[in-house]
Amino acid sequence: MVIFSVLYPTTEGARFDAAYYASTHIPLVKEAFTPTGLRSIQVMYGLAAADGSAAPYVAMAHLTFESADALKASVEGARAAEVFADIPKYTDISPVTQISAPA
């Protein structure tokens, strides 16, 4: 199992449409990537940093895949271009991404 994390840094003046993200983009990702090994998606929205200051990330999504091969099959697969083309519809933030494995 691998986790593909997509983190959207808080950036002054940036646009992030959480309603579109939740109602359109995430369902698109599920539909497009489930056949190639996506198991689940967890979405979180930043509230604050530990010290009470502004959250360092507006939002983050953690996509769980069956394997590294499943992740690769998804992000390089037939529907990947459709998923990536949808990103400018909800944000102009360049995300930080990371691939991780559970301990």
Protein backbone atom coordinates (compact mmCIF):
# COMPACT_ATOMS: atom_id res chain seq x y z
CA MET A 1 0.00 0.00 0.00
CA VAL A 2 1.20 3.54 -0.78
CA ILE A 3 -0.20 6.94 0.06
CA PHE A 4 -0.06 9.77 -2.46
CA SER A 5 -0.40 13.06 -0.55
CA VAL A 6 -1.33 16.29 -2.28
CA LEU A 7 -0.90 19.40 -0.10
CA TYR A 8 -1.99 22.89 -1.13
CA PRO A 9 0.17 25.49 0.68
CA THR A 10 -1.53 28.56 2.08
CA THR A 11 -0.54 31.34 -0.29
CA GLU A 12 -1.70 34.93 0.02
CA GLY A 13 -4.05 35.85 -2.82
CA ALA A 14 -4.33 32.27 -4.06
CA ARG A 15 -7.62 30.72 -5.12
CA PHE A 16 -8.92 27.41 -3.77
CA ASP A 17 -12.60 26.55 -4.37
CA ALA A 18 -13.30 23.99 -1.65
CA ALA A 19 -16.89 23.45 -2.81
CA TYR A 20 -15.79 22.54 -6.34
CA TYR A 21 -12.95 20.41 -4.98
CA ALA A 22 -15.30 18.39 -2.78
CA SER A 23 -18.27 18.11 -5.13
CA THR A 24 -16.54 17.71 -8.50
CA HIS A 25 -12.79 17.08 -8.39
CA ILE A 26 -12.65 14.40 -5.69
CA PRO A 27 -15.50 12.38 -7.24
CA LEU A 28 -13.70 12.63 -10.60
CA VAL A 29 -10.48 11.31 -9.02
CA LYS A 30 -12.40 8.41 -7.44
CA GLU A 31 -14.12 7.53 -10.69
CA ALA A 32 -10.95 7.78 -12.76
CA PHE A 33 -8.48 6.04 -10.45
CA THR A 34 -10.51 3.36 -8.64
CA PRO A 35 -10.27 0.95 -11.61
CA THR A 36 -6.46 1.23 -11.53
CA GLY A 37 -6.03 0.65 -7.79
CA LEU A 38 -7.23 3.64 -5.76
CA ARG A 39 -8.62 2.35 -2.46
CA SER A 40 -9.62 5.53 -0.62
CA ILE A 41 -9.24 9.30 -0.37
CA GLN A 42 -9.10 11.35 2.79
CA VAL A 43 -9.51 15.13 2.39
CA MET A 44 -8.72 17.64 5.13
CA TYR A 45 -8.89 21.42 5.29
CA GLY A 46 -6.40 23.47 7.31
CA LEU A 47 -7.72 25.24 10.39
CA ALA A 48 -4.58 26.45 12.16
CA ALA A 49 -0.96 25.61 12.92
CA ALA A 50 -0.10 24.08 16.29
CA ASP A 51 0.88 27.50 17.64
CA GLY A 52 -2.47 29.01 16.63
CA SER A 53 -1.15 30.85 13.58
CA ALA A 54 -2.57 30.36 10.10
CA ALA A 55 -2.63 26.81 8.76
CA PRO A 56 0.35 26.09 6.52
CA TYR A 57 -1.94 24.24 4.07
CA VAL A 58 -5.36 25.24 2.75
CA ALA A 59 -6.20 21.61 2.05
CA MET A 60 -4.63 18.21 1.70
CA ALA A 61 -5.71 14.93 0.19
CA HIS A 62 -4.26 11.54 0.98
CA LEU A 63 -4.97 8.98 -1.73
CA THR A 64 -4.41 5.35 -0.76
CA PHE A 65 -3.40 2.97 -3.55
CA GLU A 66 -3.02 -0.81 -3.52
CA SER A 67 0.64 -0.49 -4.54
CA ALA A 68 3.21 1.76 -6.16
CA ASP A 69 2.32 0.12 -9.47
CA ALA A 70 -1.34 1.03 -8.96
CA LEU A 71 -0.38 4.66 -8.29
CA LYS A 72 1.73 4.70 -11.43
CA ALA A 73 -1.06 3.10 -13.47
CA SER A 74 -3.43 5.83 -12.24
CA VAL A 75 -1.27 8.92 -12.75
CA GLU A 76 -0.01 7.67 -16.12
CA GLY A 77 -3.26 6.02 -17.19
CA ALA A 78 -5.99 6.79 -19.68
CA ARG A 79 -7.88 9.21 -17.42
CA ALA A 80 -4.93 11.00 -15.83
CA ALA A 81 -5.02 13.89 -18.31
CA GLU A 82 -8.70 14.48 -17.49
CA VAL A 83 -7.98 14.58 -13.75
CA PHE A 84 -5.00 16.92 -14.12
CA ALA A 85 -6.88 19.20 -16.54
CA ASP A 86 -9.53 19.71 -13.85
CA ILE A 87 -7.09 21.23 -11.32
CA PRO A 88 -7.15 24.82 -12.68
CA LYS A 89 -10.93 24.80 -12.24
CA TYR A 90 -10.58 24.90 -8.44
CA THR A 91 -7.13 26.32 -7.65
CA ASP A 92 -4.12 28.26 -8.84
CA ILE A 93 -1.93 26.85 -6.05
CA SER A 94 0.97 24.59 -7.04
CA PRO A 95 0.62 21.59 -4.74
CA VAL A 96 3.32 19.80 -2.80
CA THR A 97 3.15 16.04 -3.36
CA GLN A 98 4.66 13.08 -1.55
CA ILE A 99 4.51 9.31 -1.88
CA SER A 100 4.64 7.48 1.46
CA ALA A 101 4.15 4.01 2.88
CA PRO A 102 2.63 3.12 6.24
CA ALA A 103 5.04 1.94 8.92
